[in-house]
Amino acid sequence: MKEISVHELSKFNPFTGCMDDWFIVSAEKDGKINALTASWGGFGRVWNKNTVTLYIRPQRYTREFIDSQNQFTISFLKPGYKQALQYLGTHSGKEEADKINQSGLHDCFIGSIHTFQEASLVMSCKVLYRQTIDPTCLINDTNIDQSFYPNKDYSLIYVGEILNIYSE
């Protein structure tokens, strides 16, 4: 993989990348890696920085890893790995020590940045902002609270600065 700038992402569609293709969020803590599959997020520019915004449930084990280092990696996989993404999204690393290998994916590093051999696009990020969704701030669509948070386990919003981008 080679490092690229945000201006070289002209073929990347964040809507299909998130909604259709999904992506992996991974982080390191105490020498261990954990990962989750995500499809909620966005890309843009905040505070004069290139950023990604993620929404992660408080009970997700990977959240502990992100919070411990305030860093994470986002990896978009090549086509054909939906089953592996599904596995990462439905199994917890808290209960399954080798979740990544069980998914069929293969860990690798670009320098100190964790990713997967199957990745086609990787972003390393540092957390700039974190806050739990406040349901009193949901303005026009009360169905969001009822539909997405019936257990009141409101997602944490992470705004991460994109430090590096790597592409095939």
N, C-alpha and C. Protein backbone atom coordinates (compact mmCIF):
# COMPACT_ATOMS: atom_id res chain seq x y z
N MET A 1 0.84 -1.17 0.00
CA MET A 1 0.00 0.00 0.00
C MET A 1 0.89 1.24 0.00
N LYS A 2 0.35 2.29 -0.59
CA LYS A 2 1.11 3.54 -0.62
C LYS A 2 0.29 4.63 0.05
N GLU A 3 0.99 5.57 0.66
CA GLU A 3 0.32 6.68 1.30
C GLU A 3 -0.19 7.66 0.24
N ILE A 4 -1.41 8.13 0.44
CA ILE A 4 -2.01 9.08 -0.49
C ILE A 4 -2.58 10.26 0.30
N SER A 5 -2.96 11.31 -0.40
CA SER A 5 -3.60 12.46 0.24
C SER A 5 -5.12 12.35 0.10
N VAL A 6 -5.85 13.15 0.85
CA VAL A 6 -7.31 13.14 0.73
C VAL A 6 -7.75 13.53 -0.67
N HIS A 7 -6.95 14.32 -1.36
CA HIS A 7 -7.29 14.76 -2.71
C HIS A 7 -7.22 13.61 -3.72
N GLU A 8 -6.56 12.52 -3.35
CA GLU A 8 -6.46 11.36 -4.23
C GLU A 8 -7.58 10.35 -3.99
N LEU A 9 -8.56 10.71 -3.17
CA LEU A 9 -9.68 9.83 -2.88
C LEU A 9 -10.85 10.05 -3.84
N SER A 10 -10.58 10.51 -5.02
CA SER A 10 -11.65 10.87 -5.95
C SER A 10 -12.56 9.70 -6.31
N LYS A 11 -12.07 8.48 -6.23
CA LYS A 11 -12.91 7.31 -6.56
C LYS A 11 -13.65 6.76 -5.35
N PHE A 12 -13.36 7.28 -4.17
CA PHE A 12 -13.98 6.80 -2.94
C PHE A 12 -15.30 7.51 -2.72
N ASN A 13 -16.37 6.72 -2.61
CA ASN A 13 -17.68 7.27 -2.32
C ASN A 13 -18.00 6.93 -0.87
N PRO A 14 -18.03 7.93 0.03
CA PRO A 14 -18.25 7.62 1.44
C PRO A 14 -19.62 6.99 1.73
N PHE A 15 -20.60 7.25 0.88
CA PHE A 15 -21.92 6.68 1.12
C PHE A 15 -21.93 5.19 0.83
N THR A 16 -21.39 4.78 -0.31
CA THR A 16 -21.33 3.34 -0.58
C THR A 16 -20.28 2.68 0.31
N GLY A 17 -19.20 3.40 0.62
CA GLY A 17 -18.16 2.85 1.49
C GLY A 17 -18.69 2.50 2.87
N CYS A 18 -19.59 3.33 3.38
CA CYS A 18 -20.16 3.07 4.71
C CYS A 18 -21.39 2.17 4.63
N MET A 19 -22.37 2.58 3.86
CA MET A 19 -23.66 1.88 3.85
C MET A 19 -23.61 0.51 3.19
N ASP A 20 -22.99 0.44 2.05
CA ASP A 20 -23.03 -0.80 1.27
C ASP A 20 -21.85 -1.72 1.55
N ASP A 21 -20.67 -1.16 1.58
CA ASP A 21 -19.46 -1.97 1.72
C ASP A 21 -19.09 -2.24 3.18
N TRP A 22 -19.47 -1.35 4.08
CA TRP A 22 -19.11 -1.39 5.48
C TRP A 22 -17.60 -1.17 5.63
N PHE A 23 -17.14 -1.07 6.86
CA PHE A 23 -15.72 -0.88 7.12
C PHE A 23 -15.38 -1.43 8.49
N ILE A 24 -14.11 -1.55 8.76
CA ILE A 24 -13.65 -2.09 10.04
C ILE A 24 -12.98 -0.96 10.82
N VAL A 25 -13.34 -0.87 12.09
CA VAL A 25 -12.67 0.04 13.02
C VAL A 25 -11.84 -0.85 13.93
N SER A 26 -10.55 -0.58 14.00
CA SER A 26 -9.69 -1.37 14.88
C SER A 26 -8.84 -0.45 15.74
N ALA A 27 -8.44 -0.97 16.89
CA ALA A 27 -7.62 -0.20 17.81
C ALA A 27 -6.79 -1.17 18.64
N GLU A 28 -5.74 -0.63 19.25
CA GLU A 28 -4.82 -1.43 20.04
C GLU A 28 -4.85 -1.00 21.49
N LYS A 29 -4.72 -1.99 22.38
CA LYS A 29 -4.65 -1.72 23.82
C LYS A 29 -3.81 -2.81 24.45
N ASP A 30 -2.80 -2.43 25.18
CA ASP A 30 -1.94 -3.39 25.88
C ASP A 30 -1.41 -4.47 24.96
N GLY A 31 -1.04 -4.09 23.74
CA GLY A 31 -0.46 -5.02 22.79
C GLY A 31 -1.46 -5.92 22.09
N LYS A 32 -2.75 -5.75 22.36
CA LYS A 32 -3.79 -6.55 21.70
C LYS A 32 -4.57 -5.65 20.74
N ILE A 33 -5.08 -6.27 19.68
CA ILE A 33 -5.89 -5.58 18.69
C ILE A 33 -7.32 -6.07 18.80
N ASN A 34 -8.28 -5.17 18.68
CA ASN A 34 -9.67 -5.58 18.57
C ASN A 34 -10.30 -4.77 17.45
N ALA A 35 -11.36 -5.32 16.88
CA ALA A 35 -11.98 -4.68 15.71
C ALA A 35 -13.48 -4.90 15.72
N LEU A 36 -14.18 -3.97 15.09
CA LEU A 36 -15.61 -4.10 14.89
C LEU A 36 -15.96 -3.66 13.48
N THR A 37 -17.09 -4.14 13.00
CA THR A 37 -17.60 -3.73 11.70
C THR A 37 -18.53 -2.55 11.92
N ALA A 38 -18.43 -1.56 11.06
CA ALA A 38 -19.26 -0.36 11.18
C ALA A 38 -19.87 0.00 9.84
N SER A 39 -21.01 0.67 9.92
CA SER A 39 -21.63 1.21 8.71
C SER A 39 -22.21 2.59 8.98
N TRP A 40 -22.04 3.08 10.19
CA TRP A 40 -22.48 4.42 10.55
C TRP A 40 -21.26 5.31 10.65
N GLY A 41 -21.21 6.31 9.82
CA GLY A 41 -20.08 7.23 9.88
C GLY A 41 -20.17 8.27 8.79
N GLY A 42 -19.23 9.16 8.82
CA GLY A 42 -19.17 10.21 7.81
C GLY A 42 -17.77 10.76 7.70
N PHE A 43 -17.52 11.43 6.60
CA PHE A 43 -16.22 12.01 6.33
C PHE A 43 -16.39 13.48 5.99
N GLY A 44 -15.45 14.29 6.41
CA GLY A 44 -15.56 15.71 6.10
C GLY A 44 -14.41 16.51 6.66
N ARG A 45 -14.71 17.75 6.92
CA ARG A 45 -13.69 18.68 7.41
C ARG A 45 -14.28 19.44 8.60
N VAL A 46 -13.64 19.32 9.75
CA VAL A 46 -14.03 20.00 10.97
C VAL A 46 -12.77 20.57 11.62
N TRP A 47 -12.87 21.79 12.15
CA TRP A 47 -11.75 22.42 12.84
C TRP A 47 -10.49 22.46 11.97
N ASN A 48 -10.71 22.69 10.66
CA ASN A 48 -9.62 22.75 9.67
C ASN A 48 -8.82 21.45 9.59
N LYS A 49 -9.48 20.36 9.88
CA LYS A 49 -8.83 19.04 9.81
C LYS A 49 -9.71 18.10 9.00
N ASN A 50 -9.09 17.18 8.30
CA ASN A 50 -9.82 16.11 7.61
C ASN A 50 -10.25 15.11 8.67
N THR A 51 -11.55 14.82 8.70
CA THR A 51 -12.07 14.02 9.81
C THR A 51 -12.99 12.89 9.34
N VAL A 52 -13.15 11.94 10.24
CA VAL A 52 -14.14 10.89 10.13
C VAL A 52 -14.96 10.94 11.41
N THR A 53 -16.26 10.72 11.29
CA THR A 53 -17.15 10.66 12.44
C THR A 53 -17.71 9.25 12.54
N LEU A 54 -17.59 8.66 13.72
CA LEU A 54 -18.07 7.30 13.96
C LEU A 54 -19.11 7.32 15.07
N TYR A 55 -19.98 6.32 15.06
CA TYR A 55 -20.99 6.15 16.09
C TYR A 55 -20.83 4.72 16.62
N ILE A 56 -20.45 4.61 17.89
CA ILE A 56 -20.14 3.29 18.45
C ILE A 56 -20.92 3.10 19.74
N ARG A 57 -21.60 1.98 19.85
CA ARG A 57 -22.37 1.67 21.05
C ARG A 57 -21.44 1.53 22.26
N PRO A 58 -21.91 1.92 23.43
CA PRO A 58 -21.05 1.87 24.62
C PRO A 58 -20.60 0.47 24.99
N GLN A 59 -21.39 -0.55 24.67
CA GLN A 59 -21.04 -1.91 25.06
C GLN A 59 -20.05 -2.58 24.12
N ARG A 60 -19.72 -1.94 23.02
CA ARG A 60 -18.77 -2.55 22.08
C ARG A 60 -17.37 -2.59 22.71
N TYR A 61 -16.77 -3.75 22.70
CA TYR A 61 -15.46 -3.96 23.33
C TYR A 61 -14.38 -3.11 22.67
N THR A 62 -14.45 -2.94 21.37
CA THR A 62 -13.45 -2.12 20.67
C THR A 62 -13.43 -0.69 21.19
N ARG A 63 -14.55 -0.21 21.69
CA ARG A 63 -14.61 1.15 22.23
C ARG A 63 -13.59 1.33 23.36
N GLU A 64 -13.43 0.31 24.20
CA GLU A 64 -12.44 0.38 25.28
C GLU A 64 -11.03 0.56 24.71
N PHE A 65 -10.77 -0.08 23.59
CA PHE A 65 -9.45 0.00 22.95
C PHE A 65 -9.24 1.40 22.39
N ILE A 66 -10.26 1.94 21.74
CA ILE A 66 -10.15 3.30 21.19
C ILE A 66 -9.93 4.30 22.32
N ASP A 67 -10.72 4.18 23.39
CA ASP A 67 -10.62 5.13 24.49
C ASP A 67 -9.29 5.05 25.23
N SER A 68 -8.67 3.89 25.24
CA SER A 68 -7.40 3.75 25.96
C SER A 68 -6.26 4.49 25.28
N GLN A 69 -6.30 4.60 23.96
CA GLN A 69 -5.20 5.23 23.21
C GLN A 69 -5.63 6.49 22.47
N ASN A 70 -6.95 6.70 22.37
CA ASN A 70 -7.50 7.80 21.56
C ASN A 70 -6.99 7.75 20.13
N GLN A 71 -6.88 6.53 19.62
CA GLN A 71 -6.48 6.30 18.23
C GLN A 71 -7.26 5.11 17.69
N PHE A 72 -7.44 5.11 16.38
CA PHE A 72 -8.10 3.98 15.74
C PHE A 72 -7.73 3.97 14.27
N THR A 73 -8.00 2.85 13.63
CA THR A 73 -7.77 2.68 12.20
C THR A 73 -9.09 2.28 11.55
N ILE A 74 -9.32 2.81 10.37
CA ILE A 74 -10.47 2.42 9.57
C ILE A 74 -9.94 1.70 8.34
N SER A 75 -10.48 0.53 8.08
CA SER A 75 -10.06 -0.27 6.92
C SER A 75 -11.26 -0.63 6.07
N PHE A 76 -11.18 -0.31 4.79
CA PHE A 76 -12.18 -0.73 3.81
C PHE A 76 -11.58 -1.90 3.06
N LEU A 77 -12.34 -2.99 3.00
CA LEU A 77 -11.83 -4.21 2.38
C LEU A 77 -12.12 -4.26 0.90
N LYS A 78 -11.35 -5.09 0.22
CA LYS A 78 -11.61 -5.39 -1.19
C LYS A 78 -12.96 -6.11 -1.28
N PRO A 79 -13.59 -6.15 -2.44
CA PRO A 79 -14.87 -6.86 -2.58
C PRO A 79 -14.72 -8.35 -2.23
N GLY A 80 -15.80 -8.92 -1.74
CA GLY A 80 -15.82 -10.35 -1.48
C GLY A 80 -15.62 -10.75 -0.03
N TYR A 81 -15.60 -9.80 0.89
CA TYR A 81 -15.34 -10.12 2.30
C TYR A 81 -16.52 -9.79 3.21
N LYS A 82 -17.71 -9.78 2.65
CA LYS A 82 -18.90 -9.44 3.44
C LYS A 82 -19.10 -10.42 4.60
N GLN A 83 -18.84 -11.69 4.37
CA GLN A 83 -19.01 -12.69 5.42
C GLN A 83 -18.04 -12.42 6.58
N ALA A 84 -16.81 -12.06 6.28
CA ALA A 84 -15.84 -11.73 7.33
C ALA A 84 -16.27 -10.47 8.09
N LEU A 85 -16.78 -9.48 7.36
CA LEU A 85 -17.28 -8.26 8.00
C LEU A 85 -18.47 -8.58 8.91
N GLN A 86 -19.34 -9.45 8.43
CA GLN A 86 -20.50 -9.87 9.22
C GLN A 86 -20.03 -10.54 10.51
N TYR A 87 -19.02 -11.38 10.40
CA TYR A 87 -18.49 -12.09 11.57
C TYR A 87 -17.95 -11.09 12.60
N LEU A 88 -17.13 -10.15 12.15
CA LEU A 88 -16.56 -9.16 13.07
C LEU A 88 -17.64 -8.31 13.72
N GLY A 89 -18.74 -8.11 13.02
CA GLY A 89 -19.81 -7.29 13.56
C GLY A 89 -20.73 -8.01 14.52
N THR A 90 -20.67 -9.33 14.55
CA THR A 90 -21.60 -10.09 15.40
C THR A 90 -20.91 -10.90 16.49
N HIS A 91 -19.59 -10.83 16.58
CA HIS A 91 -18.84 -11.53 17.62
C HIS A 91 -18.04 -10.52 18.43
N SER A 92 -17.93 -10.78 19.71
CA SER A 92 -17.18 -9.87 20.59
C SER A 92 -15.80 -10.42 20.89
N GLY A 93 -14.82 -9.54 20.81
CA GLY A 93 -13.46 -9.91 21.19
C GLY A 93 -13.32 -10.13 22.69
N LYS A 94 -14.29 -9.69 23.44
CA LYS A 94 -14.27 -9.91 24.89
C LYS A 94 -14.51 -11.39 25.19
N GLU A 95 -15.35 -12.02 24.38
CA GLU A 95 -15.67 -13.44 24.59
C GLU A 95 -14.88 -14.37 23.67
N GLU A 96 -14.28 -13.83 22.66
CA GLU A 96 -13.58 -14.65 21.68
C GLU A 96 -12.21 -14.04 21.43
N ALA A 97 -11.19 -14.63 22.03
CA ALA A 97 -9.85 -14.05 22.02
C ALA A 97 -9.25 -13.91 20.62
N ASP A 98 -9.63 -14.77 19.71
CA ASP A 98 -9.03 -14.75 18.37
C ASP A 98 -10.06 -14.40 17.30
N LYS A 99 -10.90 -13.44 17.60
CA LYS A 99 -12.01 -13.06 16.73
C LYS A 99 -11.55 -12.69 15.31
N ILE A 100 -10.46 -11.96 15.19
CA ILE A 100 -10.00 -11.52 13.87
C ILE A 100 -9.63 -12.73 13.01
N ASN A 101 -8.84 -13.64 13.56
CA ASN A 101 -8.47 -14.83 12.79
C ASN A 101 -9.68 -15.70 12.48
N GLN A 102 -10.62 -15.79 13.43
CA GLN A 102 -11.83 -16.58 13.20
C GLN A 102 -12.67 -16.00 12.06
N SER A 103 -12.54 -14.69 11.82
CA SER A 103 -13.29 -14.06 10.73
C SER A 103 -12.75 -14.44 9.36
N GLY A 104 -11.52 -14.94 9.34
CA GLY A 104 -10.88 -15.27 8.07
C GLY A 104 -9.99 -14.16 7.54
N LEU A 105 -9.93 -13.05 8.26
CA LEU A 105 -9.06 -11.94 7.84
C LEU A 105 -7.67 -12.12 8.43
N HIS A 106 -6.73 -11.36 7.88
CA HIS A 106 -5.34 -11.49 8.29
C HIS A 106 -4.79 -10.14 8.71
N ASP A 107 -4.34 -10.07 9.97
CA ASP A 107 -3.73 -8.85 10.49
C ASP A 107 -2.47 -8.49 9.72
N CYS A 108 -2.23 -7.21 9.62
CA CYS A 108 -0.93 -6.73 9.15
C CYS A 108 -0.76 -5.30 9.63
N PHE A 109 0.41 -4.78 9.46
CA PHE A 109 0.71 -3.42 9.90
C PHE A 109 1.36 -2.65 8.77
N ILE A 110 1.04 -1.37 8.72
CA ILE A 110 1.76 -0.41 7.87
C ILE A 110 2.50 0.47 8.87
N GLY A 111 3.77 0.18 9.07
CA GLY A 111 4.49 0.82 10.17
C GLY A 111 3.85 0.36 11.47
N SER A 112 3.34 1.29 12.26
CA SER A 112 2.68 0.94 13.52
C SER A 112 1.17 0.93 13.40
N ILE A 113 0.64 1.08 12.18
CA ILE A 113 -0.79 1.18 11.96
C ILE A 113 -1.37 -0.20 11.66
N HIS A 114 -2.33 -0.61 12.47
CA HIS A 114 -2.96 -1.91 12.28
C HIS A 114 -3.95 -1.85 11.12
N THR A 115 -3.95 -2.91 10.31
CA THR A 115 -4.95 -3.07 9.26
C THR A 115 -5.04 -4.55 8.91
N PHE A 116 -5.52 -4.83 7.72
CA PHE A 116 -5.73 -6.20 7.27
C PHE A 116 -5.14 -6.37 5.87
N GLN A 117 -4.62 -7.55 5.59
CA GLN A 117 -4.09 -7.83 4.26
C GLN A 117 -5.16 -7.66 3.19
N GLU A 118 -6.41 -7.83 3.55
CA GLU A 118 -7.52 -7.75 2.61
C GLU A 118 -8.01 -6.30 2.37
N ALA A 119 -7.38 -5.33 3.01
CA ALA A 119 -7.81 -3.93 2.90
C ALA A 119 -7.37 -3.31 1.58
N SER A 120 -8.21 -2.45 1.07
CA SER A 120 -7.86 -1.68 -0.13
C SER A 120 -7.66 -0.20 0.19
N LEU A 121 -8.21 0.25 1.33
CA LEU A 121 -8.09 1.64 1.76
C LEU A 121 -8.03 1.66 3.28
N VAL A 122 -7.05 2.37 3.83
CA VAL A 122 -6.83 2.40 5.27
C VAL A 122 -6.64 3.85 5.70
N MET A 123 -7.26 4.21 6.83
CA MET A 123 -7.08 5.55 7.40
C MET A 123 -6.69 5.40 8.86
N SER A 124 -5.59 6.03 9.24
CA SER A 124 -5.24 6.06 10.65
C SER A 124 -5.74 7.39 11.22
N CYS A 125 -6.31 7.32 12.41
CA CYS A 125 -6.99 8.49 12.98
C CYS A 125 -6.67 8.64 14.46
N LYS A 126 -6.76 9.90 14.93
CA LYS A 126 -6.70 10.15 16.37
C LYS A 126 -7.98 10.84 16.78
N VAL A 127 -8.46 10.50 17.97
CA VAL A 127 -9.71 11.03 18.47
C VAL A 127 -9.52 12.51 18.85
N LEU A 128 -10.40 13.35 18.31
CA LEU A 128 -10.44 14.76 18.67
C LEU A 128 -11.58 15.07 19.62
N TYR A 129 -12.65 14.30 19.51
CA TYR A 129 -13.88 14.59 20.25
C TYR A 129 -14.66 13.31 20.46
N ARG A 130 -15.27 13.21 21.65
CA ARG A 130 -16.09 12.05 21.97
C ARG A 130 -17.23 12.52 22.87
N GLN A 131 -18.43 12.11 22.53
CA GLN A 131 -19.59 12.46 23.35
C GLN A 131 -20.69 11.46 23.10
N THR A 132 -21.42 11.13 24.15
CA THR A 132 -22.57 10.24 24.03
C THR A 132 -23.75 11.01 23.45
N ILE A 133 -24.49 10.37 22.56
CA ILE A 133 -25.69 10.99 22.00
C ILE A 133 -26.64 11.34 23.14
N ASP A 134 -27.13 12.56 23.10
CA ASP A 134 -28.10 13.04 24.08
C ASP A 134 -29.48 12.97 23.45
N PRO A 135 -30.35 12.07 23.92
CA PRO A 135 -31.66 11.91 23.27
C PRO A 135 -32.52 13.17 23.32
N THR A 136 -32.25 14.06 24.24
CA THR A 136 -33.03 15.30 24.30
C THR A 136 -32.70 16.22 23.14
N CYS A 137 -31.63 15.93 22.45
CA CYS A 137 -31.23 16.74 21.29
C CYS A 137 -31.79 16.20 19.98
N LEU A 138 -32.49 15.09 20.00
CA LEU A 138 -33.15 14.58 18.80
C LEU A 138 -34.35 15.49 18.53
N ILE A 139 -34.34 16.21 17.44
CA ILE A 139 -35.30 17.28 17.21
C ILE A 139 -36.58 16.83 16.51
N ASN A 140 -36.47 16.38 15.28
CA ASN A 140 -37.66 16.17 14.46
C ASN A 140 -38.11 14.73 14.30
N ASP A 141 -37.27 13.79 14.61
CA ASP A 141 -37.61 12.40 14.34
C ASP A 141 -37.56 11.59 15.63
N THR A 142 -38.65 11.52 16.34
CA THR A 142 -38.68 10.77 17.59
C THR A 142 -38.56 9.26 17.35
N ASN A 143 -38.76 8.83 16.14
CA ASN A 143 -38.59 7.42 15.80
C ASN A 143 -37.14 6.96 15.97
N ILE A 144 -36.18 7.87 15.85
CA ILE A 144 -34.78 7.49 16.00
C ILE A 144 -34.57 6.88 17.38
N ASP A 145 -35.04 7.56 18.40
CA ASP A 145 -34.86 7.06 19.76
C ASP A 145 -35.53 5.71 19.93
N GLN A 146 -36.75 5.57 19.50
CA GLN A 146 -37.51 4.33 19.65
C GLN A 146 -36.95 3.20 18.79
N SER A 147 -36.56 3.53 17.56
CA SER A 147 -36.11 2.50 16.62
C SER A 147 -34.69 2.03 16.86
N PHE A 148 -33.80 2.97 17.17
CA PHE A 148 -32.39 2.62 17.25
C PHE A 148 -31.87 2.47 18.68
N TYR A 149 -32.59 3.01 19.65
CA TYR A 149 -32.12 2.96 21.03
C TYR A 149 -33.20 2.50 22.00
N PRO A 150 -33.86 1.37 21.72
CA PRO A 150 -34.90 0.91 22.64
C PRO A 150 -34.36 0.57 24.03
N ASN A 151 -33.07 0.23 24.11
CA ASN A 151 -32.44 -0.09 25.39
C ASN A 151 -31.72 1.11 26.00
N LYS A 152 -31.86 2.26 25.36
CA LYS A 152 -31.24 3.51 25.83
C LYS A 152 -29.71 3.42 25.89
N ASP A 153 -29.12 2.58 25.04
CA ASP A 153 -27.66 2.43 24.95
C ASP A 153 -27.14 3.35 23.85
N TYR A 154 -27.21 4.64 24.10
CA TYR A 154 -26.89 5.65 23.10
C TYR A 154 -25.43 5.57 22.65
N SER A 155 -25.25 5.64 21.35
CA SER A 155 -23.92 5.58 20.75
C SER A 155 -23.05 6.73 21.22
N LEU A 156 -21.76 6.46 21.25
CA LEU A 156 -20.80 7.54 21.43
C LEU A 156 -20.43 8.05 20.05
N ILE A 157 -20.36 9.35 19.92
CA ILE A 157 -19.94 9.98 18.67
C ILE A 157 -18.45 10.26 18.80
N TYR A 158 -17.69 9.76 17.85
CA TYR A 158 -16.25 10.03 17.80
C TYR A 158 -15.96 10.86 16.56
N VAL A 159 -15.25 11.95 16.74
CA VAL A 159 -14.71 12.70 15.62
C VAL A 159 -13.21 12.46 15.66
N GLY A 160 -12.70 11.84 14.59
CA GLY A 160 -11.29 11.52 14.52
C GLY A 160 -10.60 12.26 13.41
N GLU A 161 -9.44 12.80 13.69
CA GLU A 161 -8.63 13.43 12.65
C GLU A 161 -7.96 12.34 11.83
N ILE A 162 -8.09 12.42 10.53
CA ILE A 162 -7.44 11.48 9.63
C ILE A 162 -5.98 11.90 9.49
N LEU A 163 -5.08 11.06 10.02
CA LEU A 163 -3.65 11.38 10.01
C LEU A 163 -2.97 10.90 8.74
N ASN A 164 -3.29 9.68 8.33
CA ASN A 164 -2.68 9.07 7.15
C ASN A 164 -3.72 8.27 6.40
N ILE A 165 -3.57 8.21 5.08
CA ILE A 165 -4.43 7.40 4.24
C ILE A 165 -3.53 6.53 3.36
N TYR A 166 -3.88 5.25 3.29
CA TYR A 166 -3.10 4.31 2.47
C TYR A 166 -4.06 3.61 1.50
N SER A 167 -3.60 3.42 0.28
CA SER A 167 -4.40 2.78 -0.73
C SER A 167 -3.54 1.82 -1.53
N GLU A 168 -4.21 0.86 -2.16
CA GLU A 168 -3.50 -0.11 -3.01
C GLU A 168 -2.82 0.59 -4.16
